Amino acid sequence: MTPNQAATPRPPIDMIDTEAEKLADLALGAEERAPQVSALLLDEIERATLHSAETIPPEVVTMGSRVEFVDEGSGREHSVELVYPQDADISAGRISILTQVGAGLIGLRAGQSILWPGRDGQERRLVIVRVARSAA
């Protein structure tokens, strides 16, 4: 954890209990090839408040959610679907949970922001604008 992360508390997050279990297994399996993302995702799972799929609030980012967010560093707005690695296709707007941004988005709500490390090692603030759940 960088000094900035320690000084800036992360916002509270929520996860679906069964997704948290799958994501923990996924993160543990990715430890060797993606140690930083694996550690970040495991930290997020550990601090999340867990809910059943039926009771999690609809504005929370879960797997399969379409998320609109702004990267305050660049000012760019992005619209992505958060997916498992095998379903990722950046050209179709589907990003893997095992990416820096994907691990940062899980569990957040519309209106929240998080200070999160980018691929370049620089921290950036991601601001959630809108969350839409898939029908599945």
N, C-alpha and C. Protein backbone atom coordinates (compact mmCIF):
# COMPACT_ATOMS: atom_id res chain seq x y z
N MET A 1 0.85 -1.17 0.00
CA MET A 1 0.00 0.00 0.00
C MET A 1 0.90 1.24 0.00
N THR A 2 0.58 2.20 -0.83
CA THR A 2 1.36 3.42 -0.89
C THR A 2 0.94 4.35 0.24
N PRO A 3 1.78 5.34 0.59
CA PRO A 3 1.38 6.27 1.64
C PRO A 3 0.08 7.00 1.32
N ASN A 4 -0.16 7.35 0.04
CA ASN A 4 -1.41 8.02 -0.32
C ASN A 4 -2.62 7.15 -0.04
N GLN A 5 -2.50 5.85 -0.34
CA GLN A 5 -3.62 4.96 -0.08
C GLN A 5 -3.94 4.90 1.41
N ALA A 6 -2.90 4.89 2.24
CA ALA A 6 -3.12 4.83 3.67
C ALA A 6 -3.78 6.12 4.17
N ALA A 7 -3.43 7.26 3.56
CA ALA A 7 -3.96 8.55 3.99
C ALA A 7 -5.38 8.80 3.46
N THR A 8 -5.73 8.17 2.37
CA THR A 8 -7.03 8.37 1.76
C THR A 8 -7.85 7.09 1.93
N PRO A 9 -8.79 7.09 2.88
CA PRO A 9 -9.56 5.86 3.09
C PRO A 9 -10.40 5.53 1.86
N ARG A 10 -10.48 4.27 1.57
CA ARG A 10 -11.31 3.83 0.45
C ARG A 10 -12.76 3.84 0.88
N PRO A 11 -13.66 4.09 -0.08
CA PRO A 11 -15.08 4.14 0.28
C PRO A 11 -15.60 2.74 0.63
N PRO A 12 -16.68 2.68 1.39
CA PRO A 12 -17.26 1.38 1.70
C PRO A 12 -17.75 0.72 0.41
N ILE A 13 -17.62 -0.59 0.34
CA ILE A 13 -18.09 -1.32 -0.84
C ILE A 13 -18.94 -2.51 -0.42
N ASP A 14 -19.73 -3.00 -1.37
CA ASP A 14 -20.62 -4.13 -1.16
C ASP A 14 -20.38 -5.15 -2.25
N MET A 15 -20.53 -6.42 -1.92
CA MET A 15 -20.39 -7.49 -2.91
C MET A 15 -21.43 -8.57 -2.65
N ILE A 16 -21.72 -9.30 -3.70
CA ILE A 16 -22.57 -10.49 -3.58
C ILE A 16 -21.69 -11.60 -3.00
N ASP A 17 -22.18 -12.27 -1.98
CA ASP A 17 -21.38 -13.28 -1.28
C ASP A 17 -20.82 -14.36 -2.21
N THR A 18 -21.63 -14.89 -3.11
CA THR A 18 -21.16 -15.95 -4.00
C THR A 18 -20.15 -15.41 -5.02
N GLU A 19 -20.31 -14.17 -5.45
CA GLU A 19 -19.32 -13.56 -6.35
C GLU A 19 -18.00 -13.36 -5.63
N ALA A 20 -18.07 -12.92 -4.38
CA ALA A 20 -16.85 -12.70 -3.60
C ALA A 20 -16.04 -14.00 -3.50
N GLU A 21 -16.72 -15.12 -3.30
CA GLU A 21 -16.03 -16.42 -3.24
C GLU A 21 -15.35 -16.73 -4.56
N LYS A 22 -16.07 -16.56 -5.67
CA LYS A 22 -15.50 -16.83 -7.00
C LYS A 22 -14.32 -15.91 -7.29
N LEU A 23 -14.47 -14.62 -6.92
CA LEU A 23 -13.42 -13.65 -7.18
C LEU A 23 -12.18 -13.92 -6.33
N ALA A 24 -12.37 -14.38 -5.10
CA ALA A 24 -11.23 -14.73 -4.26
C ALA A 24 -10.46 -15.90 -4.88
N ASP A 25 -11.18 -16.90 -5.35
CA ASP A 25 -10.52 -18.04 -6.02
C ASP A 25 -9.77 -17.57 -7.27
N LEU A 26 -10.40 -16.70 -8.03
CA LEU A 26 -9.79 -16.16 -9.25
C LEU A 26 -8.52 -15.37 -8.91
N ALA A 27 -8.60 -14.52 -7.90
CA ALA A 27 -7.45 -13.71 -7.49
C ALA A 27 -6.30 -14.59 -7.00
N LEU A 28 -6.62 -15.60 -6.22
CA LEU A 28 -5.58 -16.51 -5.73
C LEU A 28 -4.92 -17.25 -6.89
N GLY A 29 -5.71 -17.62 -7.88
CA GLY A 29 -5.18 -18.30 -9.06
C GLY A 29 -4.32 -17.41 -9.94
N ALA A 30 -4.48 -16.09 -9.81
CA ALA A 30 -3.74 -15.14 -10.64
C ALA A 30 -2.54 -14.54 -9.91
N GLU A 31 -2.27 -15.00 -8.70
CA GLU A 31 -1.19 -14.40 -7.89
C GLU A 31 0.16 -14.36 -8.60
N GLU A 32 0.52 -15.43 -9.28
CA GLU A 32 1.84 -15.48 -9.92
C GLU A 32 1.92 -14.59 -11.15
N ARG A 33 0.91 -14.57 -11.98
CA ARG A 33 0.99 -13.81 -13.23
C ARG A 33 0.55 -12.35 -13.09
N ALA A 34 -0.23 -12.05 -12.06
CA ALA A 34 -0.70 -10.67 -11.86
C ALA A 34 -0.74 -10.37 -10.36
N PRO A 35 0.42 -10.33 -9.71
CA PRO A 35 0.44 -10.21 -8.24
C PRO A 35 -0.19 -8.93 -7.70
N GLN A 36 0.01 -7.80 -8.37
CA GLN A 36 -0.55 -6.55 -7.85
C GLN A 36 -2.07 -6.55 -7.93
N VAL A 37 -2.62 -6.95 -9.08
CA VAL A 37 -4.08 -6.97 -9.24
C VAL A 37 -4.68 -8.00 -8.28
N SER A 38 -4.03 -9.14 -8.16
CA SER A 38 -4.51 -10.18 -7.24
C SER A 38 -4.59 -9.64 -5.82
N ALA A 39 -3.55 -8.96 -5.36
CA ALA A 39 -3.53 -8.42 -4.00
C ALA A 39 -4.60 -7.33 -3.83
N LEU A 40 -4.74 -6.45 -4.82
CA LEU A 40 -5.75 -5.40 -4.73
C LEU A 40 -7.15 -5.99 -4.64
N LEU A 41 -7.44 -6.99 -5.49
CA LEU A 41 -8.75 -7.60 -5.49
C LEU A 41 -9.03 -8.32 -4.17
N LEU A 42 -8.05 -9.04 -3.66
CA LEU A 42 -8.23 -9.72 -2.37
C LEU A 42 -8.48 -8.72 -1.25
N ASP A 43 -7.78 -7.59 -1.27
CA ASP A 43 -8.03 -6.55 -0.26
C ASP A 43 -9.46 -6.02 -0.35
N GLU A 44 -9.94 -5.81 -1.56
CA GLU A 44 -11.29 -5.30 -1.74
C GLU A 44 -12.33 -6.31 -1.25
N ILE A 45 -12.11 -7.57 -1.55
CA ILE A 45 -13.04 -8.62 -1.10
C ILE A 45 -13.08 -8.66 0.43
N GLU A 46 -11.90 -8.56 1.03
CA GLU A 46 -11.81 -8.65 2.49
C GLU A 46 -12.56 -7.51 3.19
N ARG A 47 -12.54 -6.32 2.61
CA ARG A 47 -13.18 -5.18 3.27
C ARG A 47 -14.64 -4.98 2.88
N ALA A 48 -15.13 -5.76 1.94
CA ALA A 48 -16.51 -5.59 1.46
C ALA A 48 -17.54 -6.09 2.46
N THR A 49 -18.70 -5.45 2.44
CA THR A 49 -19.88 -5.95 3.14
C THR A 49 -20.56 -6.91 2.17
N LEU A 50 -20.81 -8.13 2.62
CA LEU A 50 -21.38 -9.15 1.73
C LEU A 50 -22.90 -9.21 1.85
N HIS A 51 -23.54 -9.45 0.70
CA HIS A 51 -24.99 -9.54 0.59
C HIS A 51 -25.34 -10.74 -0.28
N SER A 52 -26.56 -11.21 -0.16
CA SER A 52 -27.04 -12.22 -1.11
C SER A 52 -27.34 -11.48 -2.42
N ALA A 53 -27.42 -12.23 -3.51
CA ALA A 53 -27.72 -11.63 -4.82
C ALA A 53 -29.08 -10.92 -4.79
N GLU A 54 -29.99 -11.43 -3.99
CA GLU A 54 -31.34 -10.86 -3.93
C GLU A 54 -31.40 -9.54 -3.14
N THR A 55 -30.46 -9.33 -2.23
CA THR A 55 -30.55 -8.15 -1.36
C THR A 55 -29.52 -7.06 -1.66
N ILE A 56 -28.59 -7.31 -2.57
CA ILE A 56 -27.59 -6.27 -2.86
C ILE A 56 -28.27 -5.10 -3.56
N PRO A 57 -27.98 -3.87 -3.17
CA PRO A 57 -28.61 -2.71 -3.80
C PRO A 57 -28.31 -2.66 -5.31
N PRO A 58 -29.28 -2.23 -6.11
CA PRO A 58 -29.11 -2.25 -7.57
C PRO A 58 -28.06 -1.27 -8.10
N GLU A 59 -27.69 -0.27 -7.30
CA GLU A 59 -26.71 0.71 -7.78
C GLU A 59 -25.26 0.30 -7.50
N VAL A 60 -25.05 -0.94 -7.01
CA VAL A 60 -23.71 -1.44 -6.70
C VAL A 60 -23.15 -2.17 -7.93
N VAL A 61 -21.86 -1.92 -8.21
CA VAL A 61 -21.17 -2.60 -9.31
C VAL A 61 -20.93 -4.06 -8.91
N THR A 62 -21.51 -4.96 -9.70
CA THR A 62 -21.29 -6.40 -9.52
C THR A 62 -20.79 -6.95 -10.85
N MET A 63 -20.46 -8.21 -10.88
CA MET A 63 -20.03 -8.82 -12.14
C MET A 63 -21.17 -8.74 -13.14
N GLY A 64 -20.85 -8.33 -14.36
CA GLY A 64 -21.86 -8.18 -15.40
C GLY A 64 -22.49 -6.81 -15.44
N SER A 65 -22.15 -5.95 -14.48
CA SER A 65 -22.70 -4.59 -14.49
C SER A 65 -22.09 -3.77 -15.63
N ARG A 66 -22.88 -2.87 -16.17
CA ARG A 66 -22.39 -1.84 -17.10
C ARG A 66 -22.12 -0.63 -16.22
N VAL A 67 -20.90 -0.11 -16.27
CA VAL A 67 -20.47 0.97 -15.39
C VAL A 67 -20.00 2.15 -16.22
N GLU A 68 -20.54 3.31 -15.92
CA GLU A 68 -20.02 4.55 -16.50
C GLU A 68 -19.23 5.24 -15.41
N PHE A 69 -17.96 5.58 -15.72
CA PHE A 69 -17.13 6.25 -14.74
C PHE A 69 -16.23 7.26 -15.44
N VAL A 70 -15.74 8.20 -14.64
CA VAL A 70 -14.82 9.22 -15.13
C VAL A 70 -13.47 9.00 -14.47
N ASP A 71 -12.43 9.01 -15.28
CA ASP A 71 -11.06 8.99 -14.78
C ASP A 71 -10.69 10.46 -14.62
N GLU A 72 -10.65 10.95 -13.38
CA GLU A 72 -10.42 12.38 -13.15
C GLU A 72 -9.06 12.84 -13.64
N GLY A 73 -8.08 11.93 -13.71
CA GLY A 73 -6.76 12.31 -14.19
C GLY A 73 -6.78 12.74 -15.64
N SER A 74 -7.52 12.02 -16.46
CA SER A 74 -7.60 12.34 -17.89
C SER A 74 -8.87 13.11 -18.23
N GLY A 75 -9.86 13.05 -17.33
CA GLY A 75 -11.15 13.68 -17.62
C GLY A 75 -12.03 12.86 -18.54
N ARG A 76 -11.54 11.68 -18.94
CA ARG A 76 -12.30 10.84 -19.88
C ARG A 76 -13.38 10.05 -19.17
N GLU A 77 -14.54 9.95 -19.83
CA GLU A 77 -15.63 9.12 -19.33
C GLU A 77 -15.57 7.79 -20.06
N HIS A 78 -15.77 6.73 -19.32
CA HIS A 78 -15.72 5.38 -19.87
C HIS A 78 -17.03 4.67 -19.56
N SER A 79 -17.42 3.78 -20.45
CA SER A 79 -18.56 2.91 -20.20
C SER A 79 -18.09 1.48 -20.48
N VAL A 80 -18.08 0.65 -19.45
CA VAL A 80 -17.57 -0.71 -19.57
C VAL A 80 -18.50 -1.69 -18.88
N GLU A 81 -18.40 -2.94 -19.29
CA GLU A 81 -19.07 -4.03 -18.59
C GLU A 81 -18.00 -4.79 -17.85
N LEU A 82 -18.21 -5.06 -16.56
CA LEU A 82 -17.25 -5.78 -15.74
C LEU A 82 -17.50 -7.28 -15.88
N VAL A 83 -16.50 -8.02 -16.37
CA VAL A 83 -16.67 -9.43 -16.69
C VAL A 83 -15.52 -10.28 -16.15
N TYR A 84 -15.73 -11.59 -16.18
CA TYR A 84 -14.66 -12.53 -15.84
C TYR A 84 -13.65 -12.55 -16.99
N PRO A 85 -12.40 -12.92 -16.70
CA PRO A 85 -11.33 -12.83 -17.71
C PRO A 85 -11.66 -13.49 -19.06
N GLN A 86 -12.30 -14.63 -19.05
CA GLN A 86 -12.58 -15.33 -20.31
C GLN A 86 -13.58 -14.59 -21.19
N ASP A 87 -14.33 -13.64 -20.62
CA ASP A 87 -15.32 -12.88 -21.39
C ASP A 87 -14.85 -11.48 -21.76
N ALA A 88 -13.62 -11.14 -21.37
CA ALA A 88 -13.10 -9.79 -21.61
C ALA A 88 -12.86 -9.55 -23.10
N ASP A 89 -13.21 -8.36 -23.54
CA ASP A 89 -12.97 -7.91 -24.92
C ASP A 89 -13.02 -6.39 -24.89
N ILE A 90 -11.85 -5.77 -24.77
CA ILE A 90 -11.80 -4.32 -24.60
C ILE A 90 -12.44 -3.59 -25.77
N SER A 91 -12.34 -4.14 -26.99
CA SER A 91 -12.95 -3.48 -28.15
C SER A 91 -14.47 -3.47 -28.06
N ALA A 92 -15.04 -4.40 -27.29
CA ALA A 92 -16.49 -4.46 -27.09
C ALA A 92 -16.89 -3.81 -25.76
N GLY A 93 -15.91 -3.21 -25.06
CA GLY A 93 -16.22 -2.54 -23.80
C GLY A 93 -16.39 -3.47 -22.62
N ARG A 94 -15.84 -4.69 -22.71
CA ARG A 94 -15.93 -5.64 -21.61
C ARG A 94 -14.54 -5.78 -20.98
N ILE A 95 -14.42 -5.30 -19.71
CA ILE A 95 -13.12 -5.39 -19.05
C ILE A 95 -13.12 -6.45 -17.95
N SER A 96 -11.98 -7.08 -17.82
CA SER A 96 -11.81 -8.16 -16.85
C SER A 96 -11.70 -7.61 -15.43
N ILE A 97 -12.26 -8.36 -14.51
CA ILE A 97 -12.10 -8.07 -13.09
C ILE A 97 -10.62 -8.16 -12.71
N LEU A 98 -9.82 -8.88 -13.49
CA LEU A 98 -8.39 -9.03 -13.20
C LEU A 98 -7.55 -7.96 -13.90
N THR A 99 -8.11 -6.76 -14.05
CA THR A 99 -7.36 -5.60 -14.50
C THR A 99 -7.36 -4.60 -13.35
N GLN A 100 -6.44 -3.63 -13.41
CA GLN A 100 -6.39 -2.62 -12.36
C GLN A 100 -7.75 -1.94 -12.21
N VAL A 101 -8.31 -1.47 -13.32
CA VAL A 101 -9.59 -0.75 -13.26
C VAL A 101 -10.71 -1.68 -12.82
N GLY A 102 -10.75 -2.88 -13.36
CA GLY A 102 -11.81 -3.82 -12.99
C GLY A 102 -11.85 -4.11 -11.50
N ALA A 103 -10.68 -4.35 -10.93
CA ALA A 103 -10.61 -4.62 -9.48
C ALA A 103 -11.01 -3.39 -8.67
N GLY A 104 -10.79 -2.20 -9.23
CA GLY A 104 -11.16 -0.97 -8.53
C GLY A 104 -12.64 -0.66 -8.57
N LEU A 105 -13.32 -1.13 -9.60
CA LEU A 105 -14.74 -0.80 -9.76
C LEU A 105 -15.67 -1.68 -8.92
N ILE A 106 -15.29 -2.93 -8.71
CA ILE A 106 -16.19 -3.88 -8.04
C ILE A 106 -16.63 -3.35 -6.67
N GLY A 107 -17.93 -3.41 -6.44
CA GLY A 107 -18.48 -3.05 -5.13
C GLY A 107 -18.82 -1.59 -4.91
N LEU A 108 -18.37 -0.72 -5.83
CA LEU A 108 -18.67 0.71 -5.68
C LEU A 108 -20.11 1.00 -6.11
N ARG A 109 -20.60 2.17 -5.74
CA ARG A 109 -21.94 2.63 -6.09
C ARG A 109 -21.85 3.90 -6.92
N ALA A 110 -22.91 4.18 -7.64
CA ALA A 110 -22.99 5.45 -8.37
C ALA A 110 -22.79 6.58 -7.36
N GLY A 111 -21.96 7.55 -7.75
CA GLY A 111 -21.67 8.69 -6.89
C GLY A 111 -20.42 8.53 -6.06
N GLN A 112 -19.92 7.30 -5.90
CA GLN A 112 -18.69 7.10 -5.14
C GLN A 112 -17.47 7.29 -6.03
N SER A 113 -16.34 7.52 -5.39
CA SER A 113 -15.07 7.57 -6.11
C SER A 113 -14.03 6.82 -5.30
N ILE A 114 -12.96 6.43 -5.99
CA ILE A 114 -11.88 5.71 -5.32
C ILE A 114 -10.56 6.16 -5.91
N LEU A 115 -9.57 6.33 -5.07
CA LEU A 115 -8.22 6.61 -5.50
C LEU A 115 -7.56 5.26 -5.73
N TRP A 116 -7.11 5.01 -6.96
CA TRP A 116 -6.73 3.66 -7.35
C TRP A 116 -5.49 3.69 -8.22
N PRO A 117 -4.57 2.73 -8.06
CA PRO A 117 -3.37 2.71 -8.90
C PRO A 117 -3.69 2.30 -10.34
N GLY A 118 -3.09 2.98 -11.28
CA GLY A 118 -3.24 2.63 -12.69
C GLY A 118 -2.13 1.70 -13.12
N ARG A 119 -2.18 1.25 -14.37
CA ARG A 119 -1.15 0.36 -14.89
C ARG A 119 0.23 1.01 -14.87
N ASP A 120 0.24 2.34 -14.97
CA ASP A 120 1.51 3.08 -14.97
C ASP A 120 2.06 3.32 -13.56
N GLY A 121 1.34 2.84 -12.54
CA GLY A 121 1.78 3.00 -11.17
C GLY A 121 1.30 4.29 -10.52
N GLN A 122 0.76 5.20 -11.31
CA GLN A 122 0.24 6.46 -10.79
C GLN A 122 -1.19 6.26 -10.27
N GLU A 123 -1.48 6.90 -9.13
CA GLU A 123 -2.84 6.80 -8.62
C GLU A 123 -3.76 7.73 -9.38
N ARG A 124 -4.98 7.29 -9.57
CA ARG A 124 -5.97 8.09 -10.26
C ARG A 124 -7.30 7.95 -9.54
N ARG A 125 -8.10 8.98 -9.62
CA ARG A 125 -9.42 8.93 -8.99
C ARG A 125 -10.44 8.50 -10.05
N LEU A 126 -11.15 7.42 -9.74
CA LEU A 126 -12.23 6.93 -10.59
C LEU A 126 -13.54 7.32 -9.92
N VAL A 127 -14.41 7.99 -10.67
CA VAL A 127 -15.69 8.45 -10.13
C VAL A 127 -16.81 7.71 -10.86
N ILE A 128 -17.63 6.99 -10.10
CA ILE A 128 -18.72 6.22 -10.68
C ILE A 128 -19.88 7.15 -11.00
N VAL A 129 -20.30 7.17 -12.26
CA VAL A 129 -21.40 8.02 -12.70
C VAL A 129 -22.72 7.26 -12.68
N ARG A 130 -22.70 6.04 -13.23
CA ARG A 130 -23.94 5.26 -13.38
C ARG A 130 -23.61 3.77 -13.38
N VAL A 131 -24.51 2.99 -12.81
CA VAL A 131 -24.37 1.52 -12.79
C VAL A 131 -25.66 0.92 -13.31
N ALA A 132 -25.55 0.01 -14.27
CA ALA A 132 -26.72 -0.72 -14.76
C ALA A 132 -26.42 -2.20 -14.69
N ARG A 133 -27.29 -2.94 -14.05
CA ARG A 133 -27.13 -4.39 -13.92
C ARG A 133 -27.63 -5.09 -15.17
N SER A 134 -26.96 -6.18 -15.49
CA SER A 134 -27.44 -7.00 -16.61
C SER A 134 -28.71 -7.72 -16.16
N ALA A 135 -29.50 -8.09 -17.14
CA ALA A 135 -30.76 -8.77 -16.84
C ALA A 135 -30.53 -10.19 -16.36
N ALA A 136 -29.37 -10.76 -16.67
CA ALA A 136 -29.10 -12.15 -16.31
C ALA A 136 -28.85 -12.34 -14.84
